Structure formats: structure tokens, C-alpha cells
């Protein structure tokens, strides 16, 4: 599994080329979707979830980018920013959007007075 010194040199060169050219390799744009059985009847499609197998080099590059993006977003990002934040997930954002929609329908607007209540 370990790339070794030669593998690391190759990986470093590849990453520099990708960064310099600002273009990702074509094979990174594709993945292999593998169905994983959850539970229930194996004949029903809804009892499976898909996982996408991606290129290892792509995953390493993404982790490097994430390590550099996350601190900047934590420091400068808005509280409503869910992407790339540790501990924040898509479901959290969906819940917030749903709650905002409910309050808007109930109150007729997003306005929430802060004084004189």
C-alpha cells in the first residue's frame, strides 16, 4: 500500500502539474458505482445504496485541498456555510432550510424583531 520514495516523488510531480495547469485529469471525472446491499429483499433496487470508487490520486489531492480550505472557511466563513466544515453535514443544512421555510410560512416573512417584544 505504501508508495515508497519513488512513488511519493511521482505523486508530488503529478500534483504540481495539476495545480499549475488548473485542470484535473480526465479519469478523475469518472468513478465506478458499486451497489451495496442494505437490508430486505435483494431483488428490490431500493434496498441498495451506491458507492463510487474513485482514483486514489484524486482522493489524496482532495484531502490536501480540504486541509487548506477548511481553516480559511472556519475563520472567515459565515455560520450558515455548511460545505467543507467539520461536523456540518448536508442533513444539517436541509434541517435549517426546512425550519426557515416553516417560520416564513408561519410568520409571513423572515423578519424577526429584536426589540420591543
Foldseek 3Di string as FASTA:
>chain_A
DDLPPVRVVVLVVVLVVCVVVVDDDPQQVDWDWDWDAQDDDPVDPVRTDIDTHGDPSVVVSVVVVLVVVAVVCVVPNDPLDQPSYPPGDPVNNVVVVVVQVVVCVVVVHSDDDDPDD
